[in-house]
C-alpha cells in the first residue's frame, strides 16, 4: 500500500464520510480522523482487512496467554481461585 494517508477533522470526515469509506473499501486508503488544536489522531477509516488482521493478531496473543496460564495451573505454579470465591471477595 503506497497510498499516502489522509487526515481530516471530525467535521471534514463527517462531510466526506461516504467518500472516505469507499476509498477505504475500494482504494485501500486510510483516513485518520483528528480533533483539537493539535489535530490529534483519534480514529481512522481503514480497509476492513486491516482490522481483521489486527483482530487475528489479538486472538493469537490471547490464545498464547491462555495456553501459558493453563501450563502454570497444571504445573502448580499458579494459584487457582474459584469464581465463587472471587464473587464472595467482591461482595457479590
PDB file of N, CA and C in Angstrom:
ATOM      1  N   UNK A   1       0.850  -1.167   0.000  1.00  0.00           N
ATOM      2  CA  UNK A   1       0.000   0.000   0.000  1.00  0.00           C
ATOM      3  C   UNK A   1       0.898   1.233   0.000  1.00  0.00           C
ATOM      4  N   UNK A   2       0.978   1.899  -1.135  1.00  0.00           N
ATOM      5  CA  UNK A   2       1.830   3.073  -1.279  1.00  0.00           C
ATOM      6  C   UNK A   2       1.030   4.366  -1.292  1.00  0.00           C
ATOM      7  N   UNK A   3      -0.203   4.316  -0.872  1.00  0.00           N
ATOM      8  CA  UNK A   3      -1.065   5.490  -0.883  1.00  0.00           C
ATOM      9  C   UNK A   3      -0.849   6.272   0.409  1.00  0.00           C
ATOM     10  N   UNK A   4      -0.666   7.567   0.266  1.00  0.00           N
ATOM     11  CA  UNK A   4      -0.445   8.447   1.423  1.00  0.00           C
ATOM     12  C   UNK A   4      -1.753   8.578   2.215  1.00  0.00           C
ATOM     13  N   UNK A   5      -1.722   8.366   3.527  1.00  0.00           N
ATOM     14  CA  UNK A   5      -2.942   8.520   4.315  1.00  0.00           C
ATOM     15  C   UNK A   5      -3.408   9.976   4.332  1.00  0.00           C
ATOM     16  N   UNK A   6      -4.700  10.148   4.531  1.00  0.00           N
ATOM     17  CA  UNK A   6      -5.319  11.469   4.588  1.00  0.00           C
ATOM     18  C   UNK A   6      -5.696  11.751   6.032  1.00  0.00           C
ATOM     19  N   UNK A   7      -5.562  12.993   6.457  1.00  0.00           N
ATOM     20  CA  UNK A   7      -6.016  13.407   7.785  1.00  0.00           C
ATOM     21  C   UNK A   7      -7.140  14.416   7.618  1.00  0.00           C
ATOM     22  N   UNK A   8      -8.263  14.162   8.293  1.00  0.00           N
ATOM     23  CA  UNK A   8      -9.407  15.063   8.248  1.00  0.00           C
ATOM     24  C   UNK A   8      -9.893  15.334   9.660  1.00  0.00           C
ATOM     25  N   UNK A   9     -10.366  16.547   9.893  1.00  0.00           N
ATOM     26  CA  UNK A   9     -11.004  16.840  11.176  1.00  0.00           C
ATOM     27  C   UNK A   9     -12.298  16.038  11.277  1.00  0.00           C
ATOM     28  N   UNK A  10     -12.856  15.962  12.462  1.00  0.00           N
ATOM     29  CA  UNK A  10     -14.119  15.250  12.650  1.00  0.00           C
ATOM     30  C   UNK A  10     -15.186  15.808  11.716  1.00  0.00           C
ATOM     31  N   UNK A  11     -15.276  17.136  11.625  1.00  0.00           N
ATOM     32  CA  UNK A  11     -16.286  17.763  10.759  1.00  0.00           C
ATOM     33  C   UNK A  11     -16.050  17.416   9.291  1.00  0.00           C
ATOM     34  N   UNK A  12     -14.785  17.464   8.855  1.00  0.00           N
ATOM     35  CA  UNK A  12     -14.478  17.118   7.467  1.00  0.00           C
ATOM     36  C   UNK A  12     -14.771  15.653   7.190  1.00  0.00           C
ATOM     37  N   UNK A  13     -14.427  14.796   8.127  1.00  0.00           N
ATOM     38  CA  UNK A  13     -14.687  13.359   7.961  1.00  0.00           C
ATOM     39  C   UNK A  13     -16.187  13.102   7.875  1.00  0.00           C
ATOM     40  N   UNK A  14     -16.964  13.814   8.684  1.00  0.00           N
ATOM     41  CA  UNK A  14     -18.428  13.663   8.636  1.00  0.00           C
ATOM     42  C   UNK A  14     -18.940  14.061   7.252  1.00  0.00           C
ATOM     43  N   UNK A  15     -18.459  15.184   6.751  1.00  0.00           N
ATOM     44  CA  UNK A  15     -18.931  15.681   5.454  1.00  0.00           C
ATOM     45  C   UNK A  15     -18.506  14.796   4.290  1.00  0.00           C
ATOM     46  N   UNK A  16     -17.414  14.061   4.452  1.00  0.00           N
ATOM     47  CA  UNK A  16     -16.878  13.227   3.360  1.00  0.00           C
ATOM     48  C   UNK A  16     -16.932  11.740   3.700  1.00  0.00           C
ATOM     49  N   UNK A  17     -17.762  11.379   4.663  1.00  0.00           N
ATOM     50  CA  UNK A  17     -17.747  10.011   5.188  1.00  0.00           C
ATOM     51  C   UNK A  17     -17.935   8.959   4.094  1.00  0.00           C
ATOM     52  N   UNK A  18     -18.962   9.113   3.289  1.00  0.00           N
ATOM     53  CA  UNK A  18     -19.238   8.131   2.247  1.00  0.00           C
ATOM     54  C   UNK A  18     -18.055   7.991   1.287  1.00  0.00           C
ATOM     55  N   UNK A  19     -17.491   9.110   0.899  1.00  0.00           N
ATOM     56  CA  UNK A  19     -16.336   9.091   0.000  1.00  0.00           C
ATOM     57  C   UNK A  19     -15.155   8.373   0.639  1.00  0.00           C
ATOM     58  N   UNK A  20     -14.874   8.673   1.907  1.00  0.00           N
ATOM     59  CA  UNK A  20     -13.724   8.072   2.579  1.00  0.00           C
ATOM     60  C   UNK A  20     -13.925   6.579   2.800  1.00  0.00           C
ATOM     61  N   UNK A  21     -15.177   6.164   3.096  1.00  0.00           N
ATOM     62  CA  UNK A  21     -15.465   4.728   3.240  1.00  0.00           C
ATOM     63  C   UNK A  21     -15.222   4.018   1.907  1.00  0.00           C
ATOM     64  N   UNK A  22     -15.695   4.602   0.825  1.00  0.00           N
ATOM     65  CA  UNK A  22     -15.465   3.994  -0.488  1.00  0.00           C
ATOM     66  C   UNK A  22     -13.982   3.920  -0.823  1.00  0.00           C
ATOM     67  N   UNK A  23     -13.240   4.953  -0.469  1.00  0.00           N
ATOM     68  CA  UNK A  23     -11.796   4.928  -0.738  1.00  0.00           C
ATOM     69  C   UNK A  23     -11.087   3.864   0.105  1.00  0.00           C
ATOM     70  N   UNK A  24     -11.580   3.624   1.295  1.00  0.00           N
ATOM     71  CA  UNK A  24     -11.017   2.545   2.119  1.00  0.00           C
ATOM     72  C   UNK A  24     -11.363   1.193   1.512  1.00  0.00           C
ATOM     73  N   UNK A  25     -12.622   1.048   1.138  1.00  0.00           N
ATOM     74  CA  UNK A  25     -13.103  -0.243   0.636  1.00  0.00           C
ATOM     75  C   UNK A  25     -12.516  -0.608  -0.719  1.00  0.00           C
ATOM     76  N   UNK A  26     -12.424   0.363  -1.605  1.00  0.00           N
ATOM     77  CA  UNK A  26     -12.028   0.053  -2.976  1.00  0.00           C
ATOM     78  C   UNK A  26     -10.646   0.565  -3.364  1.00  0.00           C
ATOM     79  N   UNK A  27     -10.080   1.452  -2.552  1.00  0.00           N
ATOM     80  CA  UNK A  27      -8.782   2.021  -2.892  1.00  0.00           C
ATOM     81  C   UNK A  27      -7.702   1.772  -1.863  1.00  0.00           C
ATOM     82  N   UNK A  28      -8.043   0.986  -0.827  1.00  0.00           N
ATOM     83  CA  UNK A  28      -7.078   0.678   0.240  1.00  0.00           C
ATOM     84  C   UNK A  28      -6.530   1.925   0.926  1.00  0.00           C
ATOM     85  N   UNK A  29      -7.316   2.997   0.956  1.00  0.00           N
ATOM     86  CA  UNK A  29      -6.853   4.233   1.569  1.00  0.00           C
ATOM     87  C   UNK A  29      -7.209   4.290   3.048  1.00  0.00           C
ATOM     88  N   UNK A  30      -6.350   4.943   3.809  1.00  0.00           N
ATOM     89  CA  UNK A  30      -6.569   5.159   5.236  1.00  0.00           C
ATOM     90  C   UNK A  30      -6.851   6.641   5.447  1.00  0.00           C
ATOM     91  N   UNK A  31      -7.894   6.921   6.225  1.00  0.00           N
ATOM     92  CA  UNK A  31      -8.215   8.295   6.593  1.00  0.00           C
ATOM     93  C   UNK A  31      -8.140   8.402   8.103  1.00  0.00           C
ATOM     94  N   UNK A  32      -7.244   9.240   8.595  1.00  0.00           N
ATOM     95  CA  UNK A  32      -7.172   9.495  10.030  1.00  0.00           C
ATOM     96  C   UNK A  32      -8.119  10.636  10.365  1.00  0.00           C
ATOM     97  N   UNK A  33      -8.888  10.458  11.424  1.00  0.00           N
ATOM     98  CA  UNK A  33      -9.797  11.493  11.893  1.00  0.00           C
ATOM     99  C   UNK A  33      -9.128  12.176  13.070  1.00  0.00           C
ATOM    100  N   UNK A  34      -9.043  13.507  12.994  1.00  0.00           N
ATOM    101  CA  UNK A  34      -8.334  14.276  14.011  1.00  0.00           C
ATOM    102  C   UNK A  34      -9.290  15.227  14.719  1.00  0.00           C
ATOM    103  N   UNK A  35      -8.852  15.697  15.887  1.00  0.00           N
ATOM    104  CA  UNK A  35      -9.632  16.714  16.589  1.00  0.00           C
ATOM    105  C   UNK A  35      -8.702  17.570  17.436  1.00  0.00           C
ATOM    106  N   UNK A  36      -9.230  18.727  17.808  1.00  0.00           N
ATOM    107  CA  UNK A  36      -8.473  19.625  18.668  1.00  0.00           C
ATOM    108  C   UNK A  36      -7.489  20.480  17.901  1.00  0.00           C
ATOM    109  N   UNK A  37      -6.927  21.433  18.621  1.00  0.00           N
ATOM    110  CA  UNK A  37      -5.966  22.370  18.014  1.00  0.00           C
ATOM    111  C   UNK A  37      -4.716  21.677  17.494  1.00  0.00           C
ATOM    112  N   UNK A  38      -4.344  20.601  18.161  1.00  0.00           N
ATOM    113  CA  UNK A  38      -3.140  19.876  17.743  1.00  0.00           C
ATOM    114  C   UNK A  38      -3.419  18.825  16.682  1.00  0.00           C
ATOM    115  N   UNK A  39      -4.671  18.748  16.239  1.00  0.00           N
ATOM    116  CA  UNK A  39      -5.060  17.769  15.220  1.00  0.00           C
ATOM    117  C   UNK A  39      -4.640  16.354  15.620  1.00  0.00           C
ATOM    118  N   UNK A  40      -4.960  16.017  16.851  1.00  0.00           N
ATOM    119  CA  UNK A  40      -4.616  14.697  17.383  1.00  0.00           C
ATOM    120  C   UNK A  40      -5.432  13.619  16.686  1.00  0.00           C
ATOM    121  N   UNK A  41      -4.780  12.575  16.222  1.00  0.00           N
ATOM    122  CA  UNK A  41      -5.476  11.443  15.603  1.00  0.00           C
ATOM    123  C   UNK A  41      -6.264  10.698  16.680  1.00  0.00           C
ATOM    124  N   UNK A  42      -7.556  10.525  16.430  1.00  0.00           N
ATOM    125  CA  UNK A  42      -8.405   9.865  17.419  1.00  0.00           C
ATOM    126  C   UNK A  42      -9.150   8.665  16.856  1.00  0.00           C
ATOM    127  N   UNK A  43      -9.203   8.531  15.549  1.00  0.00           N
ATOM    128  CA  UNK A  43      -9.909   7.414  14.913  1.00  0.00           C
ATOM    129  C   UNK A  43      -9.386   7.284  13.486  1.00  0.00           C
ATOM    130  N   UNK A  44      -9.837   6.225  12.831  1.00  0.00           N
ATOM    131  CA  UNK A  44      -9.422   6.031  11.440  1.00  0.00           C
ATOM    132  C   UNK A  44     -10.504   5.281  10.677  1.00  0.00           C
ATOM    133  N   UNK A  45     -10.580   5.585   9.407  1.00  0.00           N
ATOM    134  CA  UNK A  45     -11.406   4.823   8.480  1.00  0.00           C
ATOM    135  C   UNK A  45     -10.416   4.014   7.658  1.00  0.00           C
ATOM    136  N   UNK A  46     -10.491   2.698   7.789  1.00  0.00           N
ATOM    137  CA  UNK A  46      -9.473   1.834   7.177  1.00  0.00           C
ATOM    138  C   UNK A  46     -10.128   0.689   6.420  1.00  0.00           C
ATOM    139  N   UNK A  47      -9.396   0.090   5.494  1.00  0.00           N
ATOM    140  CA  UNK A  47      -9.907  -1.108   4.833  1.00  0.00           C
ATOM    141  C   UNK A  47     -10.150  -2.211   5.874  1.00  0.00           C
ATOM    142  N   UNK A  48     -11.226  -2.951   5.692  1.00  0.00           N
ATOM    143  CA  UNK A  48     -11.623  -3.948   6.690  1.00  0.00           C
ATOM    144  C   UNK A  48     -10.553  -5.021   6.881  1.00  0.00           C
ATOM    145  N   UNK A  49      -9.793  -5.358   5.843  1.00  0.00           N
ATOM    146  CA  UNK A  49      -8.797  -6.414   6.009  1.00  0.00           C
ATOM    147  C   UNK A  49      -7.748  -6.048   7.058  1.00  0.00           C
ATOM    148  N   UNK A  50      -7.494  -4.746   7.249  1.00  0.00           N
ATOM    149  CA  UNK A  50      -6.535  -4.337   8.281  1.00  0.00           C
ATOM    150  C   UNK A  50      -7.086  -4.616   9.682  1.00  0.00           C
ATOM    151  N   UNK A  51      -8.353  -4.349   9.879  1.00  0.00           N
ATOM    152  CA  UNK A  51      -8.989  -4.613  11.173  1.00  0.00           C
ATOM    153  C   UNK A  51      -9.049  -6.120  11.424  1.00  0.00           C
ATOM    154  N   UNK A  52      -9.415  -6.883  10.404  1.00  0.00           N
ATOM    155  CA  UNK A  52      -9.484  -8.337  10.564  1.00  0.00           C
ATOM    156  C   UNK A  52      -8.112  -8.927  10.878  1.00  0.00           C
ATOM    157  N   UNK A  53      -7.069  -8.425  10.255  1.00  0.00           N
ATOM    158  CA  UNK A  53      -5.704  -8.896  10.546  1.00  0.00           C
ATOM    159  C   UNK A  53      -5.324  -8.546  11.978  1.00  0.00           C
ATOM    160  N   UNK A  54      -5.688  -7.348  12.416  1.00  0.00           N
ATOM    161  CA  UNK A  54      -5.421  -6.927  13.794  1.00  0.00           C
ATOM    162  C   UNK A  54      -6.153  -7.825  14.784  1.00  0.00           C
ATOM    163  N   UNK A  55      -7.425  -8.113  14.503  1.00  0.00           N
ATOM    164  CA  UNK A  55      -8.190  -8.994  15.389  1.00  0.00           C
ATOM    165  C   UNK A  55      -7.578 -10.388  15.456  1.00  0.00           C
ATOM    166  N   UNK A  56      -7.074 -10.882  14.338  1.00  0.00           N
ATOM    167  CA  UNK A  56      -6.420 -12.190  14.310  1.00  0.00           C
ATOM    168  C   UNK A  56      -5.160 -12.184  15.186  1.00  0.00           C
ATOM    169  N   UNK A  57      -4.395 -11.103  15.121  1.00  0.00           N
ATOM    170  CA  UNK A  57      -3.206 -10.985  15.975  1.00  0.00           C
ATOM    171  C   UNK A  57      -3.592 -10.983  17.453  1.00  0.00           C
ATOM    172  N   UNK A  58      -4.655 -10.263  17.793  1.00  0.00           N
ATOM    173  CA  UNK A  58      -5.131 -10.248  19.183  1.00  0.00           C
ATOM    174  C   UNK A  58      -5.561 -11.635  19.627  1.00  0.00           C
ATOM    175  N   UNK A  59      -6.282 -12.348  18.753  1.00  0.00           N
ATOM    176  CA  UNK A  59      -6.719 -13.707  19.087  1.00  0.00           C
ATOM    177  C   UNK A  59      -5.519 -14.626  19.325  1.00  0.00           C
ATOM    178  N   UNK A  60      -4.496 -14.504  18.489  1.00  0.00           N
ATOM    179  CA  UNK A  60      -3.299 -15.331  18.659  1.00  0.00           C
ATOM    180  C   UNK A  60      -2.604 -15.001  19.974  1.00  0.00           C
ATOM    181  N   UNK A  61      -2.493 -13.715  20.279  1.00  0.00           N
ATOM    182  CA  UNK A  61      -1.860 -13.304  21.538  1.00  0.00           C
ATOM    183  C   UNK A  61      -2.645 -13.818  22.733  1.00  0.00           C
ATOM    184  N   UNK A  62      -3.976 -13.646  22.692  1.00  0.00           N
ATOM    185  CA  UNK A  62      -4.820 -14.101  23.792  1.00  0.00           C
ATOM    186  C   UNK A  62      -4.749 -15.610  23.952  1.00  0.00           C
ATOM    187  N   UNK A  63      -4.700 -16.327  22.827  1.00  0.00           N
ATOM    188  CA  UNK A  63      -4.570 -17.781  22.886  1.00  0.00           C
ATOM    189  C   UNK A  63      -3.252 -18.193  23.523  1.00  0.00           C
ATOM    190  N   UNK A  64      -2.192 -17.471  23.196  1.00  0.00           N
ATOM    191  CA  UNK A  64      -0.884 -17.751  23.791  1.00  0.00           C
ATOM    192  C   UNK A  64      -0.886 -17.510  25.288  1.00  0.00           C
ATOM    193  N   UNK A  65      -1.532 -16.428  25.721  1.00  0.00           N
ATOM    194  CA  UNK A  65      -1.622 -16.133  27.151  1.00  0.00           C
ATOM    195  C   UNK A  65      -2.424 -17.213  27.861  1.00  0.00           C
ATOM    196  N   UNK A  66      -3.548 -17.622  27.257  1.00  0.00           N
ATOM    197  CA  UNK A  66      -4.379 -18.667  27.865  1.00  0.00           C
ATOM    198  C   UNK A  66      -3.599 -19.975  27.984  1.00  0.00           C
ATOM    199  N   UNK A  67      -2.864 -20.321  26.945  1.00  0.00           N
ATOM    200  CA  UNK A  67      -2.053 -21.548  26.973  1.00  0.00           C
ATOM    201  C   UNK A  67      -1.004 -21.473  28.080  1.00  0.00           C
ATOM    202  N   UNK A  68      -0.359 -20.329  28.197  1.00  0.00           N
ATOM    203  CA  UNK A  68       0.662 -20.144  29.234  1.00  0.00           C
ATOM    204  C   UNK A  68       0.041 -20.286  30.628  1.00  0.00           C
ATOM    205  N   UNK A  69      -1.117 -19.671  30.840  1.00  0.00           N
ATOM    206  CA  UNK A  69      -1.777 -19.766  32.153  1.00  0.00           C
ATOM    207  C   UNK A  69      -2.178 -21.204  32.475  1.00  0.00           C
ATOM    208  N   UNK A  70      -2.691 -21.929  31.480  1.00  0.00           N
ATOM    209  CA  UNK A  70      -3.048 -23.336  31.703  1.00  0.00           C
ATOM    210  C   UNK A  70      -1.829 -24.151  32.109  1.00  0.00           C
ATOM    211  N   UNK A  71      -0.714 -23.904  31.454  1.00  0.00           N
ATOM    212  CA  UNK A  71       0.518 -24.617  31.814  1.00  0.00           C
ATOM    213  C   UNK A  71       0.949 -24.280  33.241  1.00  0.00           C
ATOM    214  N   UNK A  72       0.783 -23.013  33.646  1.00  0.00           N
ATOM    215  CA  UNK A  72       1.123 -22.621  35.018  1.00  0.00           C
ATOM    216  C   UNK A  72       0.208 -23.316  36.020  1.00  0.00           C
ATOM    217  N   UNK A  73      -1.058 -23.438  35.699  1.00  0.00           N
ATOM    218  CA  UNK A  73      -2.007 -24.135  36.586  1.00  0.00           C
ATOM    219  C   UNK A  73      -1.652 -25.605  36.674  1.00  0.00           C
ATOM    220  N   UNK A  74      -1.405 -26.239  35.543  1.00  0.00           N
ATOM    221  CA  UNK A  74      -1.085 -27.671  35.509  1.00  0.00           C
ATOM    222  C   UNK A  74       0.213 -27.983  36.255  1.00  0.00           C
ATOM    223  N   UNK A  75       1.171 -27.061  36.191  1.00  0.00           N
ATOM    224  CA  UNK A  75       2.450 -27.307  36.848  1.00  0.00           C
ATOM    225  C   UNK A  75       2.425 -26.927  38.326  1.00  0.00           C
ATOM    226  N   UNK A  76       1.322 -26.316  38.776  1.00  0.00           N
ATOM    227  CA  UNK A  76       1.218 -25.904  40.170  1.00  0.00           C
ATOM    228  C   UNK A  76       1.876 -24.569  40.458  1.00  0.00           C
ATOM    229  N   UNK A  77       2.267 -23.848  39.420  1.00  0.00           N
ATOM    230  CA  UNK A  77       2.934 -22.557  39.598  1.00  0.00           C
ATOM    231  C   UNK A  77       1.957 -21.388  39.709  1.00  0.00           C
ATOM    232  N   UNK A  78       0.658 -21.665  39.624  1.00  0.00           N
ATOM    233  CA  UNK A  78      -0.329 -20.592  39.695  1.00  0.00           C
ATOM    234  C   UNK A  78      -1.370 -20.935  40.752  1.00  0.00           C
ATOM    235  N   UNK A  79      -1.817 -19.911  41.456  1.00  0.00           N
ATOM    236  CA  UNK A  79      -2.874 -20.097  42.441  1.00  0.00           C
ATOM    237  C   UNK A  79      -4.210 -20.124  41.696  1.00  0.00           C
ATOM    238  N   UNK A  80      -5.032 -21.101  42.024  1.00  0.00           N
ATOM    239  CA  UNK A  80      -6.343 -21.228  41.404  1.00  0.00           C
ATOM    240  C   UNK A  80      -7.389 -20.757  42.409  1.00  0.00           C
ATOM    241  N   UNK A  81      -8.240 -19.848  41.972  1.00  0.00           N
ATOM    242  CA  UNK A  81      -9.296 -19.312  42.819  1.00  0.00           C
ATOM    243  C   UNK A  81     -10.617 -19.529  42.087  1.00  0.00           C
ATOM    244  N   UNK A  82     -11.598 -20.079  42.785  1.00  0.00           N
ATOM    245  CA  UNK A  82     -12.885 -20.346  42.147  1.00  0.00           C
ATOM    246  C   UNK A  82     -13.638 -19.039  41.903  1.00  0.00           C
ATOM    247  N   UNK A  83     -14.563 -19.078  40.943  1.00  0.00           N
ATOM    248  CA  UNK A  83     -15.395 -17.913  40.647  1.00  0.00           C
ATOM    249  C   UNK A  83     -16.226 -17.536  41.861  1.00  0.00           C
ATOM    250  N   UNK A  84     -16.664 -18.527  42.599  1.00  0.00           N
ATOM    251  CA  UNK A  84     -17.456 -18.261  43.806  1.00  0.00           C
ATOM    252  C   UNK A  84     -16.640 -17.488  44.836  1.00  0.00           C
ATOM    253  N   UNK A  85     -15.370 -17.874  45.011  1.00  0.00           N
ATOM    254  CA  UNK A  85     -14.502 -17.163  45.953  1.00  0.00           C
ATOM    255  C   UNK A  85     -14.254 -15.723  45.506  1.00  0.00           C
ATOM    256  N   UNK A  86     -14.089 -15.525  44.224  1.00  0.00           N
ATOM    257  CA  UNK A  86     -13.888 -14.172  43.695  1.00  0.00           C
ATOM    258  C   UNK A  86     -15.136 -13.343  43.953  1.00  0.00           C
ATOM    259  N   UNK A  87     -16.312 -13.895  43.634  1.00  0.00           N
ATOM    260  CA  UNK A  87     -17.566 -13.177  43.852  1.00  0.00           C
ATOM    261  C   UNK A  87     -17.751 -12.828  45.319  1.00  0.00           C
ATOM    262  N   UNK A  88     -17.467 -13.782  46.184  1.00  0.00           N
ATOM    263  CA  UNK A  88     -17.600 -13.562  47.616  1.00  0.00           C
ATOM    264  C   UNK A  88     -16.629 -12.447  48.081  1.00  0.00           C
ATOM    265  N   UNK A  89     -15.428 -12.465  47.554  1.00  0.00           N
ATOM    266  CA  UNK A  89     -14.444 -11.445  47.910  1.00  0.00           C
ATOM    267  C   UNK A  89     -14.846 -10.049  47.424  1.00  0.00           C
ATOM    268  N   UNK A  90     -15.635 -10.023  46.346  1.00  0.00           N
ATOM    269  CA  UNK A  90     -16.118  -8.744  45.826  1.00  0.00           C
ATOM    270  C   UNK A  90     -17.453  -8.330  46.442  1.00  0.00           C
ATOM    271  N   UNK A  91     -17.971  -9.181  47.314  1.00  0.00           N
ATOM    272  CA  UNK A  91     -19.245  -8.880  47.953  1.00  0.00           C
ATOM    273  C   UNK A  91     -20.429  -9.060  47.026  1.00  0.00           C
ATOM    274  N   UNK A  92     -20.300  -9.951  46.081  1.00  0.00           N
ATOM    275  CA  UNK A  92     -21.406 -10.200  45.141  1.00  0.00           C
ATOM    276  C   UNK A  92     -22.227 -11.402  45.534  1.00  0.00           C
TER     277      UNK A  92
END
